[in-house]
Amino acid sequence: VQLQASGGGLVQPGGSLRLSCAASGFIFRLNSLEWYRQAPGKERELVARITSTFKTNYGESVKGRFTMSRDNAKNTVYLQMNNLKPEDTAVYYCHKKYDMIDYWGQGTQVTVSS
């Protein structure tokens, strides 16, 4: 299983970013994936999850601002982040649990600052 995240960067408060995570090594269309984030000095937290049937769940702090989606033709999941706040600053990771093993992408830094 390989997960390759991209799309992070520096954005002003109120701005938007879209993260991508390209996946391989498993049957993408049959599996759920998640986005997590970890801010300095804090525990890693679940941001969003999408199932094989396109059902999504979000952490309370991002509901209404973030949208997770998937493109099964490209084996890629996305995280559209709108109305970003300084507290969204973190390293964002895509994640897949497969055969009871946790797989993490390399992380992409999102910094929200004026």
PDB file of N, CA and C in Angstrom:
ATOM      1  N   VAL A   1       0.852  -1.191   0.000  1.00  0.00           N
ATOM      2  CA  VAL A   1       0.000   0.000   0.000  1.00  0.00           C
ATOM      3  C   VAL A   1       0.884   1.236   0.000  1.00  0.00           C
ATOM      4  N   GLN A   2       0.587   2.145  -0.922  1.00  0.00           N
ATOM      5  CA  GLN A   2       1.314   3.419  -0.965  1.00  0.00           C
ATOM      6  C   GLN A   2       0.320   4.559  -1.055  1.00  0.00           C
ATOM      7  N   LEU A   3       0.607   5.616  -0.298  1.00  0.00           N
ATOM      8  CA  LEU A   3      -0.242   6.795  -0.282  1.00  0.00           C
ATOM      9  C   LEU A   3       0.644   8.014  -0.501  1.00  0.00           C
ATOM     10  N   GLN A   4       0.324   8.809  -1.499  1.00  0.00           N
ATOM     11  CA  GLN A   4       1.138   9.974  -1.849  1.00  0.00           C
ATOM     12  C   GLN A   4       0.276  11.227  -1.766  1.00  0.00           C
ATOM     13  N   ALA A   5       0.523  12.027  -0.722  1.00  0.00           N
ATOM     14  CA  ALA A   5      -0.268  13.242  -0.514  1.00  0.00           C
ATOM     15  C   ALA A   5       0.421  14.446  -1.124  1.00  0.00           C
ATOM     16  N   SER A   6      -0.387  15.394  -1.560  1.00  0.00           N
ATOM     17  CA  SER A   6       0.149  16.636  -2.122  1.00  0.00           C
ATOM     18  C   SER A   6      -0.882  17.743  -1.986  1.00  0.00           C
ATOM     19  N   GLY A   7      -0.446  18.972  -2.239  1.00  0.00           N
ATOM     20  CA  GLY A   7      -1.376  20.089  -2.297  1.00  0.00           C
ATOM     21  C   GLY A   7      -1.321  21.061  -1.148  1.00  0.00           C
ATOM     22  N   GLY A   8      -0.483  20.808  -0.150  1.00  0.00           N
ATOM     23  CA  GLY A   8      -0.399  21.733   0.966  1.00  0.00           C
ATOM     24  C   GLY A   8       0.277  23.032   0.578  1.00  0.00           C
ATOM     25  N   GLY A   9       0.315  23.955   1.536  1.00  0.00           N
ATOM     26  CA  GLY A   9       0.967  25.230   1.274  1.00  0.00           C
ATOM     27  C   GLY A   9       0.590  26.264   2.314  1.00  0.00           C
ATOM     28  N   LEU A  10       0.940  27.503   1.998  1.00  0.00           N
ATOM     29  CA  LEU A  10       0.645  28.637   2.866  1.00  0.00           C
ATOM     30  C   LEU A  10      -0.557  29.383   2.299  1.00  0.00           C
ATOM     31  N   VAL A  11      -1.536  29.647   3.139  1.00  0.00           N
ATOM     32  CA  VAL A  11      -2.745  30.337   2.695  1.00  0.00           C
ATOM     33  C   VAL A  11      -3.185  31.298   3.792  1.00  0.00           C
ATOM     34  N   GLN A  12      -3.825  32.375   3.385  1.00  0.00           N
ATOM     35  CA  GLN A  12      -4.334  33.343   4.364  1.00  0.00           C
ATOM     36  C   GLN A  12      -5.631  32.853   4.987  1.00  0.00           C
ATOM     37  N   PRO A  13      -5.938  33.322   6.182  1.00  0.00           N
ATOM     38  CA  PRO A  13      -7.232  32.963   6.783  1.00  0.00           C
ATOM     39  C   PRO A  13      -8.380  33.303   5.842  1.00  0.00           C
ATOM     40  N   GLY A  14      -9.330  32.375   5.768  1.00  0.00           N
ATOM     41  CA  GLY A  14     -10.453  32.530   4.845  1.00  0.00           C
ATOM     42  C   GLY A  14     -10.203  31.951   3.472  1.00  0.00           C
ATOM     43  N   GLY A  15      -8.989  31.544   3.214  1.00  0.00           N
ATOM     44  CA  GLY A  15      -8.650  31.003   1.906  1.00  0.00           C
ATOM     45  C   GLY A  15      -8.983  29.535   1.772  1.00  0.00           C
ATOM     46  N   SER A  16      -8.597  28.971   0.620  1.00  0.00           N
ATOM     47  CA  SER A  16      -8.918  27.571   0.306  1.00  0.00           C
ATOM     48  C   SER A  16      -7.682  26.831  -0.200  1.00  0.00           C
ATOM     49  N   LEU A  17      -7.691  25.550   0.012  1.00  0.00           N
ATOM     50  CA  LEU A  17      -6.680  24.646  -0.544  1.00  0.00           C
ATOM     51  C   LEU A  17      -7.359  23.325  -0.855  1.00  0.00           C
ATOM     52  N   ARG A  18      -6.803  22.595  -1.816  1.00  0.00           N
ATOM     53  CA  ARG A  18      -7.267  21.245  -2.082  1.00  0.00           C
ATOM     54  C   ARG A  18      -6.086  20.286  -1.978  1.00  0.00           C
ATOM     55  N   LEU A  19      -6.229  19.315  -1.113  1.00  0.00           N
ATOM     56  CA  LEU A  19      -5.229  18.274  -0.967  1.00  0.00           C
ATOM     57  C   LEU A  19      -5.629  17.071  -1.805  1.00  0.00           C
ATOM     58  N   SER A  20      -4.618  16.363  -2.294  1.00  0.00           N
ATOM     59  CA  SER A  20      -4.835  15.131  -3.052  1.00  0.00           C
ATOM     60  C   SER A  20      -4.040  14.010  -2.406  1.00  0.00           C
ATOM     61  N   CYS A  21      -4.551  12.809  -2.537  1.00  0.00           N
ATOM     62  CA  CYS A  21      -3.823  11.626  -2.070  1.00  0.00           C
ATOM     63  C   CYS A  21      -4.012  10.524  -3.098  1.00  0.00           C
ATOM     64  N   ALA A  22      -2.929  10.186  -3.788  1.00  0.00           N
ATOM     65  CA  ALA A  22      -2.948   9.104  -4.770  1.00  0.00           C
ATOM     66  C   ALA A  22      -2.594   7.798  -4.081  1.00  0.00           C
ATOM     67  N   ALA A  23      -3.393   6.777  -4.301  1.00  0.00           N
ATOM     68  CA  ALA A  23      -3.237   5.512  -3.590  1.00  0.00           C
ATOM     69  C   ALA A  23      -2.951   4.379  -4.549  1.00  0.00           C
ATOM     70  N   SER A  24      -2.240   3.375  -4.067  1.00  0.00           N
ATOM     71  CA  SER A  24      -1.981   2.178  -4.854  1.00  0.00           C
ATOM     72  C   SER A  24      -1.734   1.004  -3.916  1.00  0.00           C
ATOM     73  N   GLY A  25      -1.795  -0.196  -4.480  1.00  0.00           N
ATOM     74  CA  GLY A  25      -1.496  -1.389  -3.691  1.00  0.00           C
ATOM     75  C   GLY A  25      -2.701  -2.110  -3.129  1.00  0.00           C
ATOM     76  N   PHE A  26      -3.892  -1.599  -3.441  1.00  0.00           N
ATOM     77  CA  PHE A  26      -5.116  -2.265  -2.994  1.00  0.00           C
ATOM     78  C   PHE A  26      -6.230  -1.880  -3.972  1.00  0.00           C
ATOM     79  N   ILE A  27      -7.363  -2.548  -3.849  1.00  0.00           N
ATOM     80  CA  ILE A  27      -8.482  -2.259  -4.755  1.00  0.00           C
ATOM     81  C   ILE A  27      -9.161  -0.994  -4.254  1.00  0.00           C
ATOM     82  N   PHE A  28      -8.798   0.116  -4.874  1.00  0.00           N
ATOM     83  CA  PHE A  28      -9.165   1.435  -4.368  1.00  0.00           C
ATOM     84  C   PHE A  28     -10.673   1.572  -4.223  1.00  0.00           C
ATOM     85  N   ARG A  29     -11.429   1.190  -5.236  1.00  0.00           N
ATOM     86  CA  ARG A  29     -12.859   1.475  -5.260  1.00  0.00           C
ATOM     87  C   ARG A  29     -13.645   0.715  -4.178  1.00  0.00           C
ATOM     88  N   LEU A  30     -13.021  -0.283  -3.574  1.00  0.00           N
ATOM     89  CA  LEU A  30     -13.704  -1.089  -2.564  1.00  0.00           C
ATOM     90  C   LEU A  30     -13.347  -0.686  -1.131  1.00  0.00           C
ATOM     91  N   ASN A  31     -12.556   0.353  -1.001  1.00  0.00           N
ATOM     92  CA  ASN A  31     -12.021   0.688   0.314  1.00  0.00           C
ATOM     93  C   ASN A  31     -12.299   2.120   0.751  1.00  0.00           C
ATOM     94  N   SER A  32     -12.369   2.293   2.089  1.00  0.00           N
ATOM     95  CA  SER A  32     -12.468   3.613   2.698  1.00  0.00           C
ATOM     96  C   SER A  32     -11.068   4.187   2.896  1.00  0.00           C
ATOM     97  N   LEU A  33     -10.997   5.505   2.907  1.00  0.00           N
ATOM     98  CA  LEU A  33      -9.750   6.205   3.243  1.00  0.00           C
ATOM     99  C   LEU A  33     -10.072   7.386   4.128  1.00  0.00           C
ATOM    100  N   GLU A  34      -9.059   7.868   4.824  1.00  0.00           N
ATOM    101  CA  GLU A  34      -9.237   8.979   5.741  1.00  0.00           C
ATOM    102  C   GLU A  34      -8.145  10.035   5.545  1.00  0.00           C
ATOM    103  N   TRP A  35      -8.481  11.240   5.963  1.00  0.00           N
ATOM    104  CA  TRP A  35      -7.508  12.305   6.154  1.00  0.00           C
ATOM    105  C   TRP A  35      -7.403  12.559   7.661  1.00  0.00           C
ATOM    106  N   TYR A  36      -6.162  12.629   8.139  1.00  0.00           N
ATOM    107  CA  TYR A  36      -5.868  13.027   9.510  1.00  0.00           C
ATOM    108  C   TYR A  36      -4.999  14.275   9.461  1.00  0.00           C
ATOM    109  N   ARG A  37      -4.875  14.926  10.591  1.00  0.00           N
ATOM    110  CA  ARG A  37      -3.938  16.040  10.700  1.00  0.00           C
ATOM    111  C   ARG A  37      -3.303  16.044  12.087  1.00  0.00           C
ATOM    112  N   GLN A  38      -2.117  16.632  12.136  1.00  0.00           N
ATOM    113  CA  GLN A  38      -1.415  16.752  13.403  1.00  0.00           C
ATOM    114  C   GLN A  38      -0.753  18.121  13.479  1.00  0.00           C
ATOM    115  N   ALA A  39      -1.189  18.878  14.471  1.00  0.00           N
ATOM    116  CA  ALA A  39      -0.607  20.189  14.721  1.00  0.00           C
ATOM    117  C   ALA A  39       0.526  20.040  15.734  1.00  0.00           C
ATOM    118  N   PRO A  40       1.466  20.977  15.761  1.00  0.00           N
ATOM    119  CA  PRO A  40       2.588  20.897  16.715  1.00  0.00           C
ATOM    120  C   PRO A  40       2.093  20.774  18.147  1.00  0.00           C
ATOM    121  N   GLY A  41       2.612  19.779  18.864  1.00  0.00           N
ATOM    122  CA  GLY A  41       2.252  19.590  20.258  1.00  0.00           C
ATOM    123  C   GLY A  41       0.908  18.966  20.502  1.00  0.00           C
ATOM    124  N   LYS A  42       0.231  18.556  19.434  1.00  0.00           N
ATOM    125  CA  LYS A  42      -1.098  17.953  19.585  1.00  0.00           C
ATOM    126  C   LYS A  42      -1.114  16.547  19.008  1.00  0.00           C
ATOM    127  N   GLU A  43      -2.127  15.801  19.414  1.00  0.00           N
ATOM    128  CA  GLU A  43      -2.280  14.445  18.881  1.00  0.00           C
ATOM    129  C   GLU A  43      -2.850  14.488  17.466  1.00  0.00           C
ATOM    130  N   ARG A  44      -2.563  13.449  16.729  1.00  0.00           N
ATOM    131  CA  ARG A  44      -3.138  13.333  15.389  1.00  0.00           C
ATOM    132  C   ARG A  44      -4.654  13.139  15.524  1.00  0.00           C
ATOM    133  N   GLU A  45      -5.409  13.844  14.698  1.00  0.00           N
ATOM    134  CA  GLU A  45      -6.859  13.763  14.775  1.00  0.00           C
ATOM    135  C   GLU A  45      -7.465  13.468  13.412  1.00  0.00           C
ATOM    136  N   LEU A  46      -8.598  12.773  13.447  1.00  0.00           N
ATOM    137  CA  LEU A  46      -9.320  12.459  12.224  1.00  0.00           C
ATOM    138  C   LEU A  46     -10.000  13.714  11.693  1.00  0.00           C
ATOM    139  N   VAL A  47      -9.776  13.981  10.419  1.00  0.00           N
ATOM    140  CA  VAL A  47     -10.400  15.127   9.764  1.00  0.00           C
ATOM    141  C   VAL A  47     -11.620  14.695   8.964  1.00  0.00           C
ATOM    142  N   ALA A  48     -11.460  13.654   8.149  1.00  0.00           N
ATOM    143  CA  ALA A  48     -12.555  13.227   7.290  1.00  0.00           C
ATOM    144  C   ALA A  48     -12.337  11.794   6.851  1.00  0.00           C
ATOM    145  N   ARG A  49     -13.426  11.157   6.494  1.00  0.00           N
ATOM    146  CA  ARG A  49     -13.400   9.771   6.037  1.00  0.00           C
ATOM    147  C   ARG A  49     -14.400   9.624   4.901  1.00  0.00           C
ATOM    148  N   ILE A  50     -14.010   8.808   3.906  1.00  0.00           N
ATOM    149  CA  ILE A  50     -14.943   8.510   2.823  1.00  0.00           C
ATOM    150  C   ILE A  50     -14.971   7.006   2.620  1.00  0.00           C
ATOM    151  N   THR A  51     -16.159   6.463   2.492  1.00  0.00           N
ATOM    152  CA  THR A  51     -16.310   5.024   2.301  1.00  0.00           C
ATOM    153  C   THR A  51     -16.320   4.674   0.822  1.00  0.00           C
ATOM    154  N   SER A  52     -16.369   3.380   0.553  1.00  0.00           N
ATOM    155  CA  SER A  52     -16.418   2.902  -0.831  1.00  0.00           C
ATOM    156  C   SER A  52     -17.711   3.315  -1.518  1.00  0.00           C
ATOM    157  N   THR A  53     -18.751   3.611  -0.709  1.00  0.00           N
ATOM    158  CA  THR A  53     -20.030   4.046  -1.272  1.00  0.00           C
ATOM    159  C   THR A  53     -20.177   5.560  -1.244  1.00  0.00           C
ATOM    160  N   PHE A  54     -19.066   6.245  -1.054  1.00  0.00           N
ATOM    161  CA  PHE A  54     -18.998   7.706  -1.111  1.00  0.00           C
ATOM    162  C   PHE A  54     -19.631   8.399   0.087  1.00  0.00           C
ATOM    163  N   LYS A  55     -19.923   7.642   1.144  1.00  0.00           N
ATOM    164  CA  LYS A  55     -20.412   8.280   2.368  1.00  0.00           C
ATOM    165  C   LYS A  55     -19.246   8.956   3.071  1.00  0.00           C
ATOM    166  N   THR A  56     -19.487  10.156   3.592  1.00  0.00           N
ATOM    167  CA  THR A  56     -18.425  10.913   4.240  1.00  0.00           C
ATOM    168  C   THR A  56     -18.765  11.226   5.699  1.00  0.00           C
ATOM    169  N   ASN A  57     -17.727  11.325   6.510  1.00  0.00           N
ATOM    170  CA  ASN A  57     -17.843  11.763   7.901  1.00  0.00           C
ATOM    171  C   ASN A  57     -16.732  12.774   8.160  1.00  0.00           C
ATOM    172  N   TYR A  58     -17.018  13.743   9.042  1.00  0.00           N
ATOM    173  CA  TYR A  58     -16.059  14.808   9.303  1.00  0.00           C
ATOM    174  C   TYR A  58     -15.879  15.051  10.791  1.00  0.00           C
ATOM    175  N   GLY A  59     -14.673  15.513  11.145  1.00  0.00           N
ATOM    176  CA  GLY A  59     -14.462  15.976  12.496  1.00  0.00           C
ATOM    177  C   GLY A  59     -15.277  17.225  12.754  1.00  0.00           C
ATOM    178  N   GLU A  60     -15.651  17.418  14.002  1.00  0.00           N
ATOM    179  CA  GLU A  60     -16.528  18.540  14.347  1.00  0.00           C
ATOM    180  C   GLU A  60     -15.934  19.881  13.952  1.00  0.00           C
ATOM    181  N   SER A  61     -14.623  20.014  14.072  1.00  0.00           N
ATOM    182  CA  SER A  61     -13.990  21.310  13.834  1.00  0.00           C
ATOM    183  C   SER A  61     -13.955  21.703  12.361  1.00  0.00           C
ATOM    184  N   VAL A  62     -14.215  20.757  11.461  1.00  0.00           N
ATOM    185  CA  VAL A  62     -14.123  21.074  10.026  1.00  0.00           C
ATOM    186  C   VAL A  62     -15.461  20.936   9.300  1.00  0.00           C
ATOM    187  N   LYS A  63     -16.487  20.494  10.006  1.00  0.00           N
ATOM    188  CA  LYS A  63     -17.796  20.316   9.364  1.00  0.00           C
ATOM    189  C   LYS A  63     -18.278  21.627   8.758  1.00  0.00           C
ATOM    190  N   GLY A  64     -18.764  21.524   7.524  1.00  0.00           N
ATOM    191  CA  GLY A  64     -19.278  22.703   6.834  1.00  0.00           C
ATOM    192  C   GLY A  64     -18.207  23.495   6.103  1.00  0.00           C
ATOM    193  N   ARG A  65     -16.935  23.180   6.337  1.00  0.00           N
ATOM    194  CA  ARG A  65     -15.843  23.895   5.667  1.00  0.00           C
ATOM    195  C   ARG A  65     -15.022  22.981   4.766  1.00  0.00           C
ATOM    196  N   PHE A  66     -14.869  21.724   5.156  1.00  0.00           N
ATOM    197  CA  PHE A  66     -14.057  20.761   4.398  1.00  0.00           C
ATOM    198  C   PHE A  66     -14.973  19.756   3.712  1.00  0.00           C
ATOM    199  N   THR A  67     -14.532  19.320   2.535  1.00  0.00           N
ATOM    200  CA  THR A  67     -15.266  18.298   1.791  1.00  0.00           C
ATOM    201  C   THR A  67     -14.283  17.262   1.271  1.00  0.00           C
ATOM    202  N   MET A  68     -14.534  16.011   1.607  1.00  0.00           N
ATOM    203  CA  MET A  68     -13.704  14.921   1.094  1.00  0.00           C
ATOM    204  C   MET A  68     -14.422  14.254  -0.064  1.00  0.00           C
ATOM    205  N   SER A  69     -13.653  13.929  -1.099  1.00  0.00           N
ATOM    206  CA  SER A  69     -14.238  13.266  -2.260  1.00  0.00           C
ATOM    207  C   SER A  69     -13.243  12.237  -2.790  1.00  0.00           C
ATOM    208  N   ARG A  70     -13.695  11.466  -3.768  1.00  0.00           N
ATOM    209  CA  ARG A  70     -12.815  10.442  -4.347  1.00  0.00           C
ATOM    210  C   ARG A  70     -13.092  10.319  -5.838  1.00  0.00           C
ATOM    211  N   ASP A  71     -12.049   9.919  -6.553  1.00  0.00           N
ATOM    212  CA  ASP A  71     -12.150   9.643  -7.981  1.00  0.00           C
ATOM    213  C   ASP A  71     -11.599   8.240  -8.175  1.00  0.00           C
ATOM    214  N   ASN A  72     -12.489   7.271  -8.327  1.00  0.00           N
ATOM    215  CA  ASN A  72     -12.047   5.885  -8.443  1.00  0.00           C
ATOM    216  C   ASN A  72     -11.288   5.617  -9.739  1.00  0.00           C
ATOM    217  N   ALA A  73     -11.514   6.412 -10.752  1.00  0.00           N
ATOM    218  CA  ALA A  73     -10.782   6.237 -12.008  1.00  0.00           C
ATOM    219  C   ALA A  73      -9.319   6.644 -11.863  1.00  0.00           C
ATOM    220  N   LYS A  74      -9.052   7.538 -10.899  1.00  0.00           N
ATOM    221  CA  LYS A  74      -7.679   8.017 -10.691  1.00  0.00           C
ATOM    222  C   LYS A  74      -7.055   7.480  -9.416  1.00  0.00           C
ATOM    223  N   ASN A  75      -7.788   6.623  -8.691  1.00  0.00           N
ATOM    224  CA  ASN A  75      -7.295   6.096  -7.405  1.00  0.00           C
ATOM    225  C   ASN A  75      -6.824   7.220  -6.482  1.00  0.00           C
ATOM    226  N   THR A  76      -7.620   8.252  -6.405  1.00  0.00           N
ATOM    227  CA  THR A  76      -7.227   9.450  -5.663  1.00  0.00           C
ATOM    228  C   THR A  76      -8.381   9.947  -4.795  1.00  0.00           C
ATOM    229  N   VAL A  77      -8.038  10.374  -3.586  1.00  0.00           N
ATOM    230  CA  VAL A  77      -8.997  11.087  -2.753  1.00  0.00           C
ATOM    231  C   VAL A  77      -8.547  12.531  -2.611  1.00  0.00           C
ATOM    232  N   TYR A  78      -9.518  13.377  -2.332  1.00  0.00           N
ATOM    233  CA  TYR A  78      -9.253  14.805  -2.234  1.00  0.00           C
ATOM    234  C   TYR A  78      -9.826  15.342  -0.925  1.00  0.00           C
ATOM    235  N   LEU A  79      -9.246  16.449  -0.488  1.00  0.00           N
ATOM    236  CA  LEU A  79      -9.812  17.174   0.642  1.00  0.00           C
ATOM    237  C   LEU A  79      -9.870  18.650   0.248  1.00  0.00           C
ATOM    238  N   GLN A  80     -11.076  19.116  -0.036  1.00  0.00           N
ATOM    239  CA  GLN A  80     -11.271  20.527  -0.346  1.00  0.00           C
ATOM    240  C   GLN A  80     -11.479  21.263   0.967  1.00  0.00           C
ATOM    241  N   MET A  81     -10.613  22.226   1.231  1.00  0.00           N
ATOM    242  CA  MET A  81     -10.653  22.967   2.492  1.00  0.00           C
ATOM    243  C   MET A  81     -10.962  24.424   2.206  1.00  0.00           C
ATOM    244  N   ASN A  82     -12.102  24.877   2.691  1.00  0.00           N
ATOM    245  CA  ASN A  82     -12.537  26.253   2.492  1.00  0.00           C
ATOM    246  C   ASN A  82     -12.597  26.992   3.824  1.00  0.00           C
ATOM    247  N   ASN A  83     -12.606  28.304   3.740  1.00  0.00           N
ATOM    248  CA  ASN A  83     -12.690  29.149   4.940  1.00  0.00           C
ATOM    249  C   ASN A  83     -11.668  28.692   5.986  1.00  0.00           C
ATOM    250  N   LEU A  84     -10.433  28.555   5.551  1.00  0.00           N
ATOM    251  CA  LEU A  84      -9.391  28.054   6.443  1.00  0.00           C
ATOM    252  C   LEU A  84      -9.111  29.024   7.572  1.00  0.00           C
ATOM    253  N   LYS A  85      -8.796  28.438   8.730  1.00  0.00           N
ATOM    254  CA  LYS A  85      -8.524  29.193   9.937  1.00  0.00           C
ATOM    255  C   LYS A  85      -7.105  28.886  10.423  1.00  0.00           C
ATOM    256  N   PRO A  86      -6.498  29.782  11.196  1.00  0.00           N
ATOM    257  CA  PRO A  86      -5.152  29.497  11.712  1.00  0.00           C
ATOM    258  C   PRO A  86      -5.071  28.168  12.468  1.00  0.00           C
ATOM    259  N   GLU A  87      -6.146  27.793  13.119  1.00  0.00           N
ATOM    260  CA  GLU A  87      -6.139  26.525  13.860  1.00  0.00           C
ATOM    261  C   GLU A  87      -6.183  25.294  12.957  1.00  0.00           C
ATOM    262  N   ASP A  88      -6.337  25.495  11.657  1.00  0.00           N
ATOM    263  CA  ASP A  88      -6.243  24.379  10.711  1.00  0.00           C
ATOM    264  C   ASP A  88      -4.793  24.079  10.346  1.00  0.00           C
ATOM    265  N   THR A  89      -3.874  24.908  10.798  1.00  0.00           N
ATOM    266  CA  THR A  89      -2.458  24.688  10.524  1.00  0.00           C
ATOM    267  C   THR A  89      -2.012  23.356  11.116  1.00  0.00           C
ATOM    268  N   ALA A  90      -1.456  22.499  10.249  1.00  0.00           N
ATOM    269  CA  ALA A  90      -1.064  21.153  10.665  1.00  0.00           C
ATOM    270  C   ALA A  90      -0.413  20.453   9.483  1.00  0.00           C
ATOM    271  N   VAL A  91       0.166  19.301   9.778  1.00  0.00           N
ATOM    272  CA  VAL A  91       0.551  18.386   8.708  1.00  0.00           C
ATOM    273  C   VAL A  91      -0.636  17.453   8.476  1.00  0.00           C
ATOM    274  N   TYR A  92      -1.037  17.333   7.228  1.00  0.00           N
ATOM    275  CA  TYR A  92      -2.188  16.521   6.867  1.00  0.00           C
ATOM    276  C   TYR A  92      -1.704  15.206   6.246  1.00  0.00           C
ATOM    277  N   TYR A  93      -2.305  14.121   6.702  1.00  0.00           N
ATOM    278  CA  TYR A  93      -1.916  12.786   6.264  1.00  0.00           C
ATOM    279  C   TYR A  93      -3.124  12.039   5.713  1.00  0.00           C
ATOM    280  N   CYS A  94      -2.928  11.346   4.612  1.00  0.00           N
ATOM    281  CA  CYS A  94      -3.952  10.386   4.228  1.00  0.00           C
ATOM    282  C   CYS A  94      -3.610   9.050   4.869  1.00  0.00           C
ATOM    283  N   HIS A  95      -4.646   8.283   5.106  1.00  0.00           N
ATOM    284  CA  HIS A  95      -4.505   7.054   5.900  1.00  0.00           C
ATOM    285  C   HIS A  95      -5.406   5.960   5.356  1.00  0.00           C
ATOM    286  N   LYS A  96      -4.875   4.737   5.458  1.00  0.00           N
ATOM    287  CA  LYS A  96      -5.646   3.557   5.072  1.00  0.00           C
ATOM    288  C   LYS A  96      -5.246   2.427   6.016  1.00  0.00           C
ATOM    289  N   LYS A  97      -6.259   1.795   6.591  1.00  0.00           N
ATOM    290  CA  LYS A  97      -5.996   0.596   7.377  1.00  0.00           C
ATOM    291  C   LYS A  97      -6.301  -0.600   6.487  1.00  0.00           C
ATOM    292  N   TYR A  98      -5.327  -1.456   6.296  1.00  0.00           N
ATOM    293  CA  TYR A  98      -5.471  -2.576   5.365  1.00  0.00           C
ATOM    294  C   TYR A  98      -4.841  -3.804   5.972  1.00  0.00           C
ATOM    295  N   ASP A  99      -5.618  -4.893   6.041  1.00  0.00           N
ATOM    296  CA  ASP A  99      -5.122  -6.114   6.690  1.00  0.00           C
ATOM    297  C   ASP A  99      -4.589  -5.814   8.087  1.00  0.00           C
ATOM    298  N   MET A 100      -5.306  -4.953   8.812  1.00  0.00           N
ATOM    299  CA  MET A 100      -5.008  -4.601  10.208  1.00  0.00           C
ATOM    300  C   MET A 100      -3.715  -3.807  10.361  1.00  0.00           C
ATOM    301  N   ILE A 101      -3.176  -3.287   9.262  1.00  0.00           N
ATOM    302  CA  ILE A 101      -1.971  -2.468   9.311  1.00  0.00           C
ATOM    303  C   ILE A 101      -2.348  -1.045   8.917  1.00  0.00           C
ATOM    304  N   ASP A 102      -1.835  -0.072   9.675  1.00  0.00           N
ATOM    305  CA  ASP A 102      -2.066   1.333   9.363  1.00  0.00           C
ATOM    306  C   ASP A 102      -1.016   1.824   8.368  1.00  0.00           C
ATOM    307  N   TYR A 103      -1.509   2.389   7.270  1.00  0.00           N
ATOM    308  CA  TYR A 103      -0.622   2.977   6.268  1.00  0.00           C
ATOM    309  C   TYR A 103      -0.873   4.482   6.234  1.00  0.00           C
ATOM    310  N   TRP A 104       0.240   5.231   6.200  1.00  0.00           N
ATOM    311  CA  TRP A 104       0.163   6.691   6.195  1.00  0.00           C
ATOM    312  C   TRP A 104       0.910   7.250   4.998  1.00  0.00           C
ATOM    313  N   GLY A 105       0.340   8.275   4.400  1.00  0.00           N
ATOM    314  CA  GLY A 105       1.088   9.019   3.416  1.00  0.00           C
ATOM    315  C   GLY A 105       2.177   9.824   4.100  1.00  0.00           C
ATOM    316  N   GLN A 106       2.995  10.502   3.325  1.00  0.00           N
ATOM    317  CA  GLN A 106       4.157  11.203   3.873  1.00  0.00           C
ATOM    318  C   GLN A 106       3.787  12.511   4.555  1.00  0.00           C
ATOM    319  N   GLY A 107       2.561  12.971   4.409  1.00  0.00           N
ATOM    320  CA  GLY A 107       2.150  14.217   5.042  1.00  0.00           C
ATOM    321  C   GLY A 107       2.408  15.417   4.161  1.00  0.00           C
ATOM    322  N   THR A 108       1.495  16.370   4.232  1.00  0.00           N
ATOM    323  CA  THR A 108       1.670  17.621   3.506  1.00  0.00           C
ATOM    324  C   THR A 108       1.314  18.766   4.457  1.00  0.00           C
ATOM    325  N   GLN A 109       2.180  19.763   4.502  1.00  0.00           N
ATOM    326  CA  GLN A 109       2.039  20.860   5.465  1.00  0.00           C
ATOM    327  C   GLN A 109       1.015  21.881   4.957  1.00  0.00           C
ATOM    328  N   VAL A 110       0.081  22.225   5.832  1.00  0.00           N
ATOM    329  CA  VAL A 110      -0.866  23.311   5.572  1.00  0.00           C
ATOM    330  C   VAL A 110      -0.644  24.368   6.640  1.00  0.00           C
ATOM    331  N   THR A 111      -0.349  25.580   6.201  1.00  0.00           N
ATOM    332  CA  THR A 111      -0.132  26.690   7.120  1.00  0.00           C
ATOM    333  C   THR A 111      -1.113  27.806   6.783  1.00  0.00           C
ATOM    334  N   VAL A 112      -1.903  28.196   7.779  1.00  0.00           N
ATOM    335  CA  VAL A 112      -2.886  29.266   7.592  1.00  0.00           C
ATOM    336  C   VAL A 112      -2.424  30.450   8.425  1.00  0.00           C
ATOM    337  N   SER A 113      -2.008  31.488   7.727  1.00  0.00           N
ATOM    338  CA  SER A 113      -1.442  32.636   8.412  1.00  0.00           C
ATOM    339  C   SER A 113      -1.522  33.864   7.531  1.00  0.00           C
ATOM    340  N   SER A 114      -1.686  35.014   8.166  1.00  0.00           N
ATOM    341  CA  SER A 114      -1.682  36.264   7.409  1.00  0.00           C
ATOM    342  C   SER A 114      -0.275  36.868   7.418  1.00  0.00           C
TER     343      SER A 114
END
